[in-house]
Amino acid sequence: IIDLGRKLEPLAPEEMRDDALLDGCQSQVWLIADGDADRM
């Protein structure tokens, strides 16, 4: 699992903003969603 995490592409610093932080996580987790109903 740790090795898989190393495959994640890093987010740009400007994407690591408070409104992208998920609540309920012990660690900091930023989630960016793009797209529409056809493809997210």
PDB file of all heavy atoms in Angstrom:
ATOM      1  N   ILE A   1       0.836  -1.200   0.000  1.00  0.00           N
ATOM      2  CA  ILE A   1       0.000   0.000   0.000  1.00  0.00           C
ATOM      3  C   ILE A   1       0.874   1.254   0.000  1.00  0.00           C
ATOM      4  O   ILE A   1       0.626   2.197  -0.752  1.00  0.00           O
ATOM      5  CB  ILE A   1      -0.972  -0.007   1.203  1.00  0.00           C
ATOM      6  CG1 ILE A   1      -2.006  -1.124   1.030  1.00  0.00           C
ATOM      7  CG2 ILE A   1      -1.660   1.345   1.366  1.00  0.00           C
ATOM      8  CD1 ILE A   1      -2.848  -1.408   2.259  1.00  0.00           C
ATOM      9  N   ILE A   2       1.914   1.262   0.816  1.00  0.00           N
ATOM     10  CA  ILE A   2       2.831   2.405   0.856  1.00  0.00           C
ATOM     11  C   ILE A   2       3.504   2.592  -0.505  1.00  0.00           C
ATOM     12  O   ILE A   2       3.609   3.714  -1.017  1.00  0.00           O
ATOM     13  CB  ILE A   2       3.867   2.231   1.984  1.00  0.00           C
ATOM     14  CG1 ILE A   2       3.169   2.381   3.343  1.00  0.00           C
ATOM     15  CG2 ILE A   2       5.017   3.214   1.837  1.00  0.00           C
ATOM     16  CD1 ILE A   2       4.009   1.950   4.532  1.00  0.00           C
ATOM     17  N   ASP A   3       3.932   1.486  -1.117  1.00  0.00           N
ATOM     18  CA  ASP A   3       4.559   1.558  -2.439  1.00  0.00           C
ATOM     19  C   ASP A   3       3.594   2.111  -3.486  1.00  0.00           C
ATOM     20  O   ASP A   3       3.992   2.901  -4.354  1.00  0.00           O
ATOM     21  CB  ASP A   3       5.065   0.183  -2.874  1.00  0.00           C
ATOM     22  CG  ASP A   3       6.244  -0.307  -2.043  1.00  0.00           C
ATOM     23  OD1 ASP A   3       6.882   0.511  -1.343  1.00  0.00           O
ATOM     24  OD2 ASP A   3       6.514  -1.525  -2.082  1.00  0.00           O
ATOM     25  N   LEU A   4       2.334   1.717  -3.412  1.00  0.00           N
ATOM     26  CA  LEU A   4       1.336   2.249  -4.346  1.00  0.00           C
ATOM     27  C   LEU A   4       1.183   3.755  -4.179  1.00  0.00           C
ATOM     28  O   LEU A   4       1.032   4.482  -5.160  1.00  0.00           O
ATOM     29  CB  LEU A   4      -0.017   1.557  -4.139  1.00  0.00           C
ATOM     30  CG  LEU A   4      -0.116   0.102  -4.554  1.00  0.00           C
ATOM     31  CD1 LEU A   4      -1.483  -0.467  -4.171  1.00  0.00           C
ATOM     32  CD2 LEU A   4       0.141  -0.066  -6.052  1.00  0.00           C
ATOM     33  N   GLY A   5       1.228   4.213  -2.951  1.00  0.00           N
ATOM     34  CA  GLY A   5       1.095   5.644  -2.689  1.00  0.00           C
ATOM     35  C   GLY A   5       2.185   6.470  -3.341  1.00  0.00           C
ATOM     36  O   GLY A   5       1.970   7.631  -3.699  1.00  0.00           O
ATOM     37  N   ARG A   6       3.333   5.878  -3.536  1.00  0.00           N
ATOM     38  CA  ARG A   6       4.442   6.592  -4.193  1.00  0.00           C
ATOM     39  C   ARG A   6       4.160   6.840  -5.673  1.00  0.00           C
ATOM     40  O   ARG A   6       4.830   7.641  -6.309  1.00  0.00           O
ATOM     41  CB  ARG A   6       5.734   5.806  -4.025  1.00  0.00           C
ATOM     42  CG  ARG A   6       6.209   5.774  -2.589  1.00  0.00           C
ATOM     43  CD  ARG A   6       7.569   5.090  -2.473  1.00  0.00           C
ATOM     44  NE  ARG A   6       7.965   5.057  -1.079  1.00  0.00           N
ATOM     45  CZ  ARG A   6       8.183   3.952  -0.392  1.00  0.00           C
ATOM     46  NH1 ARG A   6       8.060   2.770  -0.954  1.00  0.00           N
ATOM     47  NH2 ARG A   6       8.539   4.010   0.876  1.00  0.00           N
ATOM     48  N   LYS A   7       3.175   6.128  -6.223  1.00  0.00           N
ATOM     49  CA  LYS A   7       2.819   6.309  -7.631  1.00  0.00           C
ATOM     50  C   LYS A   7       1.895   7.505  -7.859  1.00  0.00           C
ATOM     51  O   LYS A   7       1.672   7.893  -9.002  1.00  0.00           O
ATOM     52  CB  LYS A   7       2.131   5.048  -8.164  1.00  0.00           C
ATOM     53  CG  LYS A   7       3.014   3.833  -8.214  1.00  0.00           C
ATOM     54  CD  LYS A   7       2.238   2.658  -8.777  1.00  0.00           C
ATOM     55  CE  LYS A   7       3.077   1.405  -8.884  1.00  0.00           C
ATOM     56  NZ  LYS A   7       2.325   0.316  -9.522  1.00  0.00           N
ATOM     57  N   LEU A   8       1.339   8.051  -6.799  1.00  0.00           N
ATOM     58  CA  LEU A   8       0.437   9.197  -6.947  1.00  0.00           C
ATOM     59  C   LEU A   8       1.203  10.392  -7.491  1.00  0.00           C
ATOM     60  O   LEU A   8       2.307  10.689  -7.041  1.00  0.00           O
ATOM     61  CB  LEU A   8      -0.170   9.602  -5.601  1.00  0.00           C
ATOM     62  CG  LEU A   8      -1.323   8.805  -5.065  1.00  0.00           C
ATOM     63  CD1 LEU A   8      -1.744   9.364  -3.711  1.00  0.00           C
ATOM     64  CD2 LEU A   8      -2.501   8.810  -6.020  1.00  0.00           C
ATOM     65  N   GLU A   9       0.580  11.073  -8.429  1.00  0.00           N
ATOM     66  CA  GLU A   9       1.187  12.310  -8.906  1.00  0.00           C
ATOM     67  C   GLU A   9       0.948  13.386  -7.855  1.00  0.00           C
ATOM     68  O   GLU A   9      -0.156  13.497  -7.320  1.00  0.00           O
ATOM     69  CB  GLU A   9       0.573  12.707 -10.237  1.00  0.00           C
ATOM     70  CG  GLU A   9       0.885  11.694 -11.314  1.00  0.00           C
ATOM     71  CD  GLU A   9       0.882  12.294 -12.697  1.00  0.00           C
ATOM     72  OE1 GLU A   9       0.959  13.525 -12.826  1.00  0.00           O
ATOM     73  OE2 GLU A   9       0.812  11.503 -13.632  1.00  0.00           O
ATOM     74  N   PRO A  10       1.976  14.163  -7.566  1.00  0.00           N
ATOM     75  CA  PRO A  10       1.788  15.205  -6.544  1.00  0.00           C
ATOM     76  C   PRO A  10       0.833  16.282  -7.032  1.00  0.00           C
ATOM     77  O   PRO A  10       0.715  16.532  -8.233  1.00  0.00           O
ATOM     78  CB  PRO A  10       3.203  15.760  -6.345  1.00  0.00           C
ATOM     79  CG  PRO A  10       3.967  15.367  -7.555  1.00  0.00           C
ATOM     80  CD  PRO A  10       3.322  14.139  -8.114  1.00  0.00           C
ATOM     81  N   LEU A  11       0.141  16.869  -6.089  1.00  0.00           N
ATOM     82  CA  LEU A  11      -0.705  18.012  -6.398  1.00  0.00           C
ATOM     83  C   LEU A  11       0.169  19.262  -6.434  1.00  0.00           C
ATOM     84  O   LEU A  11       1.179  19.341  -5.736  1.00  0.00           O
ATOM     85  CB  LEU A  11      -1.797  18.176  -5.334  1.00  0.00           C
ATOM     86  CG  LEU A  11      -2.807  17.042  -5.213  1.00  0.00           C
ATOM     87  CD1 LEU A  11      -3.760  17.302  -4.052  1.00  0.00           C
ATOM     88  CD2 LEU A  11      -3.581  16.855  -6.499  1.00  0.00           C
ATOM     89  N   ALA A  12      -0.241  20.230  -7.228  1.00  0.00           N
ATOM     90  CA  ALA A  12       0.457  21.509  -7.251  1.00  0.00           C
ATOM     91  C   ALA A  12       0.212  22.213  -5.915  1.00  0.00           C
ATOM     92  O   ALA A  12      -0.852  22.031  -5.306  1.00  0.00           O
ATOM     93  CB  ALA A  12      -0.055  22.361  -8.402  1.00  0.00           C
ATOM     94  N   PRO A  13       1.163  22.992  -5.452  1.00  0.00           N
ATOM     95  CA  PRO A  13       0.977  23.688  -4.162  1.00  0.00           C
ATOM     96  C   PRO A  13      -0.325  24.488  -4.083  1.00  0.00           C
ATOM     97  O   PRO A  13      -0.972  24.508  -3.041  1.00  0.00           O
ATOM     98  CB  PRO A  13       2.206  24.595  -4.076  1.00  0.00           C
ATOM     99  CG  PRO A  13       3.241  23.927  -4.908  1.00  0.00           C
ATOM    100  CD  PRO A  13       2.479  23.254  -6.026  1.00  0.00           C
ATOM    101  N   GLU A  14      -0.722  25.103  -5.184  1.00  0.00           N
ATOM    102  CA  GLU A  14      -1.958  25.903  -5.163  1.00  0.00           C
ATOM    103  C   GLU A  14      -3.212  25.033  -5.050  1.00  0.00           C
ATOM    104  O   GLU A  14      -4.291  25.530  -4.706  1.00  0.00           O
ATOM    105  CB  GLU A  14      -2.043  26.843  -6.370  1.00  0.00           C
ATOM    106  CG  GLU A  14      -2.066  26.154  -7.709  1.00  0.00           C
ATOM    107  CD  GLU A  14      -0.671  25.911  -8.301  1.00  0.00           C
ATOM    108  OE1 GLU A  14       0.351  26.085  -7.604  1.00  0.00           O
ATOM    109  OE2 GLU A  14      -0.623  25.519  -9.481  1.00  0.00           O
ATOM    110  N   GLU A  15      -3.093  23.745  -5.337  1.00  0.00           N
ATOM    111  CA  GLU A  15      -4.235  22.840  -5.188  1.00  0.00           C
ATOM    112  C   GLU A  15      -4.392  22.345  -3.751  1.00  0.00           C
ATOM    113  O   GLU A  15      -5.452  21.850  -3.382  1.00  0.00           O
ATOM    114  CB  GLU A  15      -4.072  21.624  -6.110  1.00  0.00           C
ATOM    115  CG  GLU A  15      -4.153  21.969  -7.579  1.00  0.00           C
ATOM    116  CD  GLU A  15      -3.904  20.774  -8.456  1.00  0.00           C
ATOM    117  OE1 GLU A  15      -2.866  20.102  -8.288  1.00  0.00           O
ATOM    118  OE2 GLU A  15      -4.766  20.499  -9.316  1.00  0.00           O
ATOM    119  N   MET A  16      -3.353  22.498  -2.971  1.00  0.00           N
ATOM    120  CA  MET A  16      -3.391  22.019  -1.587  1.00  0.00           C
ATOM    121  C   MET A  16      -3.922  23.140  -0.692  1.00  0.00           C
ATOM    122  O   MET A  16      -3.251  23.641   0.189  1.00  0.00           O
ATOM    123  CB  MET A  16      -1.995  21.545  -1.179  1.00  0.00           C
ATOM    124  CG  MET A  16      -1.538  20.370  -2.034  1.00  0.00           C
ATOM    125  SD  MET A  16       0.193  19.961  -1.887  1.00  0.00           S
ATOM    126  CE  MET A  16       0.198  19.119  -0.318  1.00  0.00           C
ATOM    127  N   ARG A  17      -5.170  23.470  -0.954  1.00  0.00           N
ATOM    128  CA  ARG A  17      -5.823  24.571  -0.247  1.00  0.00           C
ATOM    129  C   ARG A  17      -6.858  24.014   0.729  1.00  0.00           C
ATOM    130  O   ARG A  17      -7.258  22.853   0.626  1.00  0.00           O
ATOM    131  CB  ARG A  17      -6.441  25.539  -1.244  1.00  0.00           C
ATOM    132  CG  ARG A  17      -7.398  24.892  -2.199  1.00  0.00           C
ATOM    133  CD  ARG A  17      -7.855  25.816  -3.336  1.00  0.00           C
ATOM    134  NE  ARG A  17      -8.945  25.211  -4.051  1.00  0.00           N
ATOM    135  CZ  ARG A  17      -8.809  24.369  -5.054  1.00  0.00           C
ATOM    136  NH1 ARG A  17      -7.615  24.047  -5.504  1.00  0.00           N
ATOM    137  NH2 ARG A  17      -9.877  23.838  -5.636  1.00  0.00           N
ATOM    138  N   ASP A  18      -7.289  24.871   1.632  1.00  0.00           N
ATOM    139  CA  ASP A  18      -8.197  24.426   2.688  1.00  0.00           C
ATOM    140  C   ASP A  18      -9.506  23.854   2.161  1.00  0.00           C
ATOM    141  O   ASP A  18     -10.024  22.884   2.713  1.00  0.00           O
ATOM    142  CB  ASP A  18      -8.490  25.580   3.658  1.00  0.00           C
ATOM    143  CG  ASP A  18      -7.289  25.916   4.520  1.00  0.00           C
ATOM    144  OD1 ASP A  18      -6.332  25.118   4.568  1.00  0.00           O
ATOM    145  OD2 ASP A  18      -7.301  26.992   5.155  1.00  0.00           O
ATOM    146  N   ASP A  19     -10.053  24.428   1.093  1.00  0.00           N
ATOM    147  CA  ASP A  19     -11.336  23.928   0.597  1.00  0.00           C
ATOM    148  C   ASP A  19     -11.214  22.567  -0.094  1.00  0.00           C
ATOM    149  O   ASP A  19     -12.219  21.929  -0.383  1.00  0.00           O
ATOM    150  CB  ASP A  19     -12.021  24.952  -0.310  1.00  0.00           C
ATOM    151  CG  ASP A  19     -11.272  25.197  -1.606  1.00  0.00           C
ATOM    152  OD1 ASP A  19     -10.040  25.006  -1.652  1.00  0.00           O
ATOM    153  OD2 ASP A  19     -11.928  25.599  -2.590  1.00  0.00           O
ATOM    154  N   ALA A  20      -9.994  22.109  -0.344  1.00  0.00           N
ATOM    155  CA  ALA A  20      -9.786  20.783  -0.919  1.00  0.00           C
ATOM    156  C   ALA A  20      -9.457  19.745   0.156  1.00  0.00           C
ATOM    157  O   ALA A  20      -9.380  18.551  -0.139  1.00  0.00           O
ATOM    158  CB  ALA A  20      -8.665  20.826  -1.957  1.00  0.00           C
ATOM    159  N   LEU A  21      -9.267  20.185   1.402  1.00  0.00           N
ATOM    160  CA  LEU A  21      -8.974  19.264   2.504  1.00  0.00           C
ATOM    161  C   LEU A  21     -10.226  18.497   2.907  1.00  0.00           C
ATOM    162  O   LEU A  21     -11.303  19.079   3.028  1.00  0.00           O
ATOM    163  CB  LEU A  21      -8.475  20.039   3.726  1.00  0.00           C
ATOM    164  CG  LEU A  21      -6.981  20.249   3.867  1.00  0.00           C
ATOM    165  CD1 LEU A  21      -6.690  21.146   5.064  1.00  0.00           C
ATOM    166  CD2 LEU A  21      -6.227  18.951   3.983  1.00  0.00           C
ATOM    167  N   LEU A  22     -10.070  17.208   3.123  1.00  0.00           N
ATOM    168  CA  LEU A  22     -11.204  16.397   3.559  1.00  0.00           C
ATOM    169  C   LEU A  22     -11.322  16.417   5.076  1.00  0.00           C
ATOM    170  O   LEU A  22     -10.321  16.308   5.783  1.00  0.00           O
ATOM    171  CB  LEU A  22     -11.034  14.953   3.098  1.00  0.00           C
ATOM    172  CG  LEU A  22     -11.092  14.694   1.609  1.00  0.00           C
ATOM    173  CD1 LEU A  22     -10.979  13.193   1.340  1.00  0.00           C
ATOM    174  CD2 LEU A  22     -12.375  15.226   1.006  1.00  0.00           C
ATOM    175  N   ASP A  23     -12.535  16.507   5.544  1.00  0.00           N
ATOM    176  CA  ASP A  23     -12.812  16.387   6.976  1.00  0.00           C
ATOM    177  C   ASP A  23     -12.830  14.917   7.344  1.00  0.00           C
ATOM    178  O   ASP A  23     -13.153  14.047   6.529  1.00  0.00           O
ATOM    179  CB  ASP A  23     -14.181  16.991   7.320  1.00  0.00           C
ATOM    180  CG  ASP A  23     -14.190  18.495   7.174  1.00  0.00           C
ATOM    181  OD1 ASP A  23     -13.138  19.122   7.379  1.00  0.00           O
ATOM    182  OD2 ASP A  23     -15.262  19.043   6.864  1.00  0.00           O
ATOM    183  N   GLY A  24     -12.507  14.621   8.591  1.00  0.00           N
ATOM    184  CA  GLY A  24     -12.614  13.262   9.091  1.00  0.00           C
ATOM    185  C   GLY A  24     -11.377  12.415   8.901  1.00  0.00           C
ATOM    186  O   GLY A  24     -11.371  11.235   9.229  1.00  0.00           O
ATOM    187  N   CYS A  25     -10.321  13.001   8.355  1.00  0.00           N
ATOM    188  CA  CYS A  25      -9.086  12.253   8.149  1.00  0.00           C
ATOM    189  C   CYS A  25      -8.062  12.671   9.198  1.00  0.00           C
ATOM    190  O   CYS A  25      -7.905  13.858   9.474  1.00  0.00           O
ATOM    191  CB  CYS A  25      -8.514  12.520   6.753  1.00  0.00           C
ATOM    192  SG  CYS A  25      -9.586  11.956   5.419  1.00  0.00           S
ATOM    193  N   GLN A  26      -7.385  11.701   9.757  1.00  0.00           N
ATOM    194  CA  GLN A  26      -6.333  11.984  10.732  1.00  0.00           C
ATOM    195  C   GLN A  26      -5.187  12.725  10.055  1.00  0.00           C
ATOM    196  O   GLN A  26      -4.637  13.668  10.600  1.00  0.00           O
ATOM    197  CB  GLN A  26      -5.822  10.675  11.334  1.00  0.00           C
ATOM    198  CG  GLN A  26      -4.658  10.837  12.284  1.00  0.00           C
ATOM    199  CD  GLN A  26      -4.139   9.493  12.789  1.00  0.00           C
ATOM    200  OE1 GLN A  26      -4.557   8.442  12.336  1.00  0.00           O
ATOM    201  NE2 GLN A  26      -3.233   9.540  13.728  1.00  0.00           N
ATOM    202  N   SER A  27      -4.835  12.307   8.866  1.00  0.00           N
ATOM    203  CA  SER A  27      -3.801  12.957   8.081  1.00  0.00           C
ATOM    204  C   SER A  27      -4.446  14.021   7.212  1.00  0.00           C
ATOM    205  O   SER A  27      -5.664  14.051   7.051  1.00  0.00           O
ATOM    206  CB  SER A  27      -3.117  11.937   7.170  1.00  0.00           C
ATOM    207  OG  SER A  27      -2.662  10.845   7.903  1.00  0.00           O
ATOM    208  N   GLN A  28      -3.615  14.843   6.631  1.00  0.00           N
ATOM    209  CA  GLN A  28      -4.152  15.808   5.678  1.00  0.00           C
ATOM    210  C   GLN A  28      -4.355  15.099   4.346  1.00  0.00           C
ATOM    211  O   GLN A  28      -3.446  14.437   3.837  1.00  0.00           O
ATOM    212  CB  GLN A  28      -3.210  16.986   5.517  1.00  0.00           C
ATOM    213  CG  GLN A  28      -3.168  17.870   6.749  1.00  0.00           C
ATOM    214  CD  GLN A  28      -2.347  19.120   6.494  1.00  0.00           C
ATOM    215  OE1 GLN A  28      -1.212  19.047   6.059  1.00  0.00           O
ATOM    216  NE2 GLN A  28      -2.946  20.261   6.762  1.00  0.00           N
ATOM    217  N   VAL A  29      -5.562  15.234   3.798  1.00  0.00           N
ATOM    218  CA  VAL A  29      -5.900  14.664   2.502  1.00  0.00           C
ATOM    219  C   VAL A  29      -6.577  15.741   1.679  1.00  0.00           C
ATOM    220  O   VAL A  29      -7.571  16.320   2.110  1.00  0.00           O
ATOM    221  CB  VAL A  29      -6.840  13.436   2.633  1.00  0.00           C
ATOM    222  CG1 VAL A  29      -7.262  12.929   1.262  1.00  0.00           C
ATOM    223  CG2 VAL A  29      -6.181  12.331   3.431  1.00  0.00           C
ATOM    224  N   TRP A  30      -5.991  15.995   0.504  1.00  0.00           N
ATOM    225  CA  TRP A  30      -6.566  16.947  -0.425  1.00  0.00           C
ATOM    226  C   TRP A  30      -7.162  16.172  -1.571  1.00  0.00           C
ATOM    227  O   TRP A  30      -6.543  15.268  -2.124  1.00  0.00           O
ATOM    228  CB  TRP A  30      -5.495  17.893  -0.965  1.00  0.00           C
ATOM    229  CG  TRP A  30      -4.881  18.755   0.070  1.00  0.00           C
ATOM    230  CD1 TRP A  30      -5.300  20.000   0.467  1.00  0.00           C
ATOM    231  CD2 TRP A  30      -3.714  18.471   0.857  1.00  0.00           C
ATOM    232  NE1 TRP A  30      -4.469  20.491   1.447  1.00  0.00           N
ATOM    233  CE2 TRP A  30      -3.482  19.579   1.705  1.00  0.00           C
ATOM    234  CE3 TRP A  30      -2.842  17.384   0.936  1.00  0.00           C
ATOM    235  CZ2 TRP A  30      -2.435  19.622   2.608  1.00  0.00           C
ATOM    236  CZ3 TRP A  30      -1.798  17.417   1.824  1.00  0.00           C
ATOM    237  CH2 TRP A  30      -1.595  18.538   2.648  1.00  0.00           C
ATOM    238  N   LEU A  31      -8.400  16.542  -1.953  1.00  0.00           N
ATOM    239  CA  LEU A  31      -9.104  15.873  -3.046  1.00  0.00           C
ATOM    240  C   LEU A  31      -9.548  16.922  -4.052  1.00  0.00           C
ATOM    241  O   LEU A  31     -10.224  17.889  -3.686  1.00  0.00           O
ATOM    242  CB  LEU A  31     -10.317  15.104  -2.514  1.00  0.00           C
ATOM    243  CG  LEU A  31     -11.195  14.421  -3.565  1.00  0.00           C
ATOM    244  CD1 LEU A  31     -10.449  13.261  -4.222  1.00  0.00           C
ATOM    245  CD2 LEU A  31     -12.498  13.939  -2.948  1.00  0.00           C
ATOM    246  N   ILE A  32      -9.171  16.714  -5.306  1.00  0.00           N
ATOM    247  CA  ILE A  32      -9.559  17.594  -6.400  1.00  0.00           C
ATOM    248  C   ILE A  32     -10.452  16.792  -7.334  1.00  0.00           C
ATOM    249  O   ILE A  32     -10.073  15.706  -7.787  1.00  0.00           O
ATOM    250  CB  ILE A  32      -8.311  18.102  -7.185  1.00  0.00           C
ATOM    251  CG1 ILE A  32      -7.280  18.723  -6.252  1.00  0.00           C
ATOM    252  CG2 ILE A  32      -8.725  19.035  -8.312  1.00  0.00           C
ATOM    253  CD1 ILE A  32      -7.714  19.970  -5.541  1.00  0.00           C
ATOM    254  N   ALA A  33     -11.639  17.320  -7.618  1.00  0.00           N
ATOM    255  CA  ALA A  33     -12.586  16.652  -8.513  1.00  0.00           C
ATOM    256  C   ALA A  33     -12.792  17.519  -9.754  1.00  0.00           C
ATOM    257  O   ALA A  33     -12.974  18.730  -9.645  1.00  0.00           O
ATOM    258  CB  ALA A  33     -13.918  16.433  -7.798  1.00  0.00           C
ATOM    259  N   ASP A  34     -12.746  16.891 -10.914  1.00  0.00           N
ATOM    260  CA  ASP A  34     -12.984  17.572 -12.187  1.00  0.00           C
ATOM    261  C   ASP A  34     -13.913  16.717 -13.028  1.00  0.00           C
ATOM    262  O   ASP A  34     -14.053  15.517 -12.797  1.00  0.00           O
ATOM    263  CB  ASP A  34     -11.661  17.755 -12.953  1.00  0.00           C
ATOM    264  CG  ASP A  34     -10.726  18.744 -12.288  1.00  0.00           C
ATOM    265  OD1 ASP A  34     -11.173  19.847 -11.941  1.00  0.00           O
ATOM    266  OD2 ASP A  34      -9.543  18.388 -12.109  1.00  0.00           O
ATOM    267  N   GLY A  35     -14.514  17.348 -14.026  1.00  0.00           N
ATOM    268  CA  GLY A  35     -15.336  16.609 -14.968  1.00  0.00           C
ATOM    269  C   GLY A  35     -16.809  16.860 -14.784  1.00  0.00           C
ATOM    270  O   GLY A  35     -17.230  17.788 -14.089  1.00  0.00           O
ATOM    271  N   ASP A  36     -17.583  16.011 -15.428  1.00  0.00           N
ATOM    272  CA  ASP A  36     -19.037  16.123 -15.363  1.00  0.00           C
ATOM    273  C   ASP A  36     -19.620  14.725 -15.185  1.00  0.00           C
ATOM    274  O   ASP A  36     -18.885  13.765 -14.951  1.00  0.00           O
ATOM    275  CB  ASP A  36     -19.581  16.818 -16.626  1.00  0.00           C
ATOM    276  CG  ASP A  36     -19.176  16.104 -17.913  1.00  0.00           C
ATOM    277  OD1 ASP A  36     -18.925  14.878 -17.881  1.00  0.00           O
ATOM    278  OD2 ASP A  36     -19.116  16.770 -18.958  1.00  0.00           O
ATOM    279  N   ALA A  37     -20.926  14.617 -15.320  1.00  0.00           N
ATOM    280  CA  ALA A  37     -21.596  13.340 -15.064  1.00  0.00           C
ATOM    281  C   ALA A  37     -21.114  12.227 -15.996  1.00  0.00           C
ATOM    282  O   ALA A  37     -21.150  11.057 -15.631  1.00  0.00           O
ATOM    283  CB  ALA A  37     -23.109  13.505 -15.178  1.00  0.00           C
ATOM    284  N   ASP A  38     -20.643  12.581 -17.179  1.00  0.00           N
ATOM    285  CA  ASP A  38     -20.188  11.565 -18.125  1.00  0.00           C
ATOM    286  C   ASP A  38     -18.834  10.973 -17.744  1.00  0.00           C
ATOM    287  O   ASP A  38     -18.579   9.799 -18.000  1.00  0.00           O
ATOM    288  CB  ASP A  38     -20.093  12.153 -19.534  1.00  0.00           C
ATOM    289  CG  ASP A  38     -21.461  12.482 -20.097  1.00  0.00           C
ATOM    290  OD1 ASP A  38     -22.444  11.819 -19.718  1.00  0.00           O
ATOM    291  OD2 ASP A  38     -21.543  13.425 -20.911  1.00  0.00           O
ATOM    292  N   ARG A  39     -17.973  11.804 -17.164  1.00  0.00           N
ATOM    293  CA  ARG A  39     -16.640  11.331 -16.772  1.00  0.00           C
ATOM    294  C   ARG A  39     -16.088  12.245 -15.690  1.00  0.00           C
ATOM    295  O   ARG A  39     -15.932  13.441 -15.904  1.00  0.00           O
ATOM    296  CB  ARG A  39     -15.702  11.328 -17.969  1.00  0.00           C
ATOM    297  CG  ARG A  39     -14.316  10.781 -17.634  1.00  0.00           C
ATOM    298  CD  ARG A  39     -13.427  10.766 -18.871  1.00  0.00           C
ATOM    299  NE  ARG A  39     -12.063  10.434 -18.534  1.00  0.00           N
ATOM    300  CZ  ARG A  39     -11.553   9.206 -18.537  1.00  0.00           C
ATOM    301  NH1 ARG A  39     -12.316   8.185 -18.866  1.00  0.00           N
ATOM    302  NH2 ARG A  39     -10.291   8.985 -18.225  1.00  0.00           N
ATOM    303  N   MET A  40     -15.804  11.642 -14.561  1.00  0.00           N
ATOM    304  CA  MET A  40     -15.250  12.395 -13.442  1.00  0.00           C
ATOM    305  C   MET A  40     -13.810  11.942 -13.203  1.00  0.00           C
ATOM    306  O   MET A  40     -13.517  10.755 -13.230  1.00  0.00           O
ATOM    307  CB  MET A  40     -16.087  12.181 -12.187  1.00  0.00           C
ATOM    308  CG  MET A  40     -17.533  12.617 -12.384  1.00  0.00           C
ATOM    309  SD  MET A  40     -18.385  12.832 -10.833  1.00  0.00           S
ATOM    310  CE  MET A  40     -17.576  14.322 -10.246  1.00  0.00           C
TER     311      MET A  40
END
